[in-house]
Amino acid sequence: MNENIFISILIPSNNNEKIIGKAIESCLKQKTNYKYEIVIVNNSSTDNTDQVIKSYSDSKIKSIATDKKVTLYENHNECLK
């Protein structure tokens, strides 16, 4: 994580194409006086979650895709790396 970032918003995701855009929009609309990043870990989704995430070009968004399906807990841990 970048030293200039004060807070990281972590979003574990799996097959959330219908709601991931709303989650991203909600994060981007936050009014803050500090720098933040949005880290999304896409757990090998088989729907269009990845395409929705990629449709955002904001530099605050960092998207990570798992190579294979992992458990819920492993996906949360991946967010913390």
Protein backbone atom coordinates (compact mmCIF):
# COMPACT_ATOMS: atom_id res chain seq x y z
CA MET A 1 0.00 0.00 0.00
CA ASN A 2 1.15 3.51 -0.78
CA GLU A 3 2.52 5.51 2.15
CA ASN A 4 0.47 8.53 1.09
CA ILE A 5 -2.75 6.56 1.47
CA PHE A 6 -4.43 7.14 4.82
CA ILE A 7 -7.15 4.48 4.52
CA SER A 8 -7.87 1.45 2.35
CA ILE A 9 -11.43 0.38 1.62
CA LEU A 10 -11.37 -3.39 1.11
CA ILE A 11 -14.06 -5.11 -0.95
CA PRO A 12 -13.95 -8.90 -1.31
CA SER A 13 -16.14 -9.95 -4.23
CA ASN A 14 -17.50 -13.07 -5.88
CA ASN A 15 -20.12 -12.99 -8.62
CA ASN A 16 -21.36 -9.55 -7.60
CA GLU A 17 -21.90 -7.95 -11.01
CA LYS A 18 -25.30 -6.58 -9.96
CA ILE A 19 -24.01 -4.72 -6.88
CA ILE A 20 -20.27 -4.12 -7.28
CA GLY A 21 -20.87 -0.93 -9.27
CA LYS A 22 -23.02 0.50 -6.47
CA ALA A 23 -20.32 -0.36 -3.93
CA ILE A 24 -17.64 1.35 -6.03
CA GLU A 25 -19.83 4.42 -6.62
CA SER A 26 -20.55 4.69 -2.91
CA CYS A 27 -16.83 4.65 -2.12
CA LEU A 28 -15.99 7.19 -4.83
CA LYS A 29 -18.67 9.61 -3.59
CA GLN A 30 -17.09 9.90 -0.15
CA LYS A 31 -16.05 13.45 0.74
CA THR A 32 -12.77 13.26 2.63
CA ASN A 33 -9.76 15.37 3.55
CA TYR A 34 -7.39 12.41 3.23
CA LYS A 35 -6.25 10.05 0.50
CA TYR A 36 -7.80 6.64 0.23
CA GLU A 37 -7.74 3.62 -2.05
CA ILE A 38 -10.36 1.04 -2.94
CA VAL A 39 -8.99 -2.51 -3.08
CA ILE A 40 -11.31 -5.04 -4.71
CA VAL A 41 -10.39 -8.73 -4.64
CA ASN A 42 -12.40 -10.58 -7.27
CA ASN A 43 -12.60 -14.25 -6.26
CA SER A 44 -12.64 -15.87 -9.71
CA SER A 45 -16.13 -14.60 -10.51
CA THR A 46 -17.87 -16.34 -13.41
CA ASP A 47 -20.27 -13.46 -14.14
CA ASN A 48 -19.40 -9.96 -15.39
CA THR A 49 -18.01 -8.67 -12.08
CA ASP A 50 -14.54 -8.17 -13.57
CA GLN A 51 -15.92 -6.17 -16.53
CA VAL A 52 -17.89 -3.91 -14.19
CA ILE A 53 -14.79 -3.26 -12.07
CA LYS A 54 -12.68 -2.56 -15.17
CA SER A 55 -15.26 -0.05 -16.42
CA TYR A 56 -14.02 2.34 -13.70
CA SER A 57 -10.81 4.18 -14.53
CA ASP A 58 -10.32 5.99 -11.23
CA SER A 59 -6.76 5.77 -9.90
CA LYS A 60 -8.13 5.09 -6.39
CA ILE A 61 -9.31 1.64 -7.51
CA LYS A 62 -6.95 -1.32 -7.27
CA SER A 63 -8.39 -4.58 -8.59
CA ILE A 64 -6.92 -7.97 -7.76
CA ALA A 65 -8.18 -11.23 -9.28
CA THR A 66 -7.55 -14.59 -7.63
CA ASP A 67 -6.08 -17.29 -9.87
CA LYS A 68 -8.50 -19.87 -8.53
CA LYS A 69 -11.60 -19.94 -6.39
CA VAL A 70 -10.74 -19.53 -2.70
CA THR A 71 -12.82 -19.68 0.45
CA LEU A 72 -14.57 -16.62 1.83
CA TYR A 73 -11.96 -16.33 4.57
CA GLU A 74 -9.07 -16.65 2.13
CA ASN A 75 -10.59 -13.94 -0.04
CA HIS A 76 -10.86 -11.62 2.97
CA ASN A 77 -7.24 -12.40 3.84
CA GLU A 78 -6.23 -11.60 0.26
CA CYS A 79 -7.73 -8.13 0.77
CA LEU A 80 -5.43 -7.59 3.73
CA LYS A 81 -2.20 -8.41 1.88
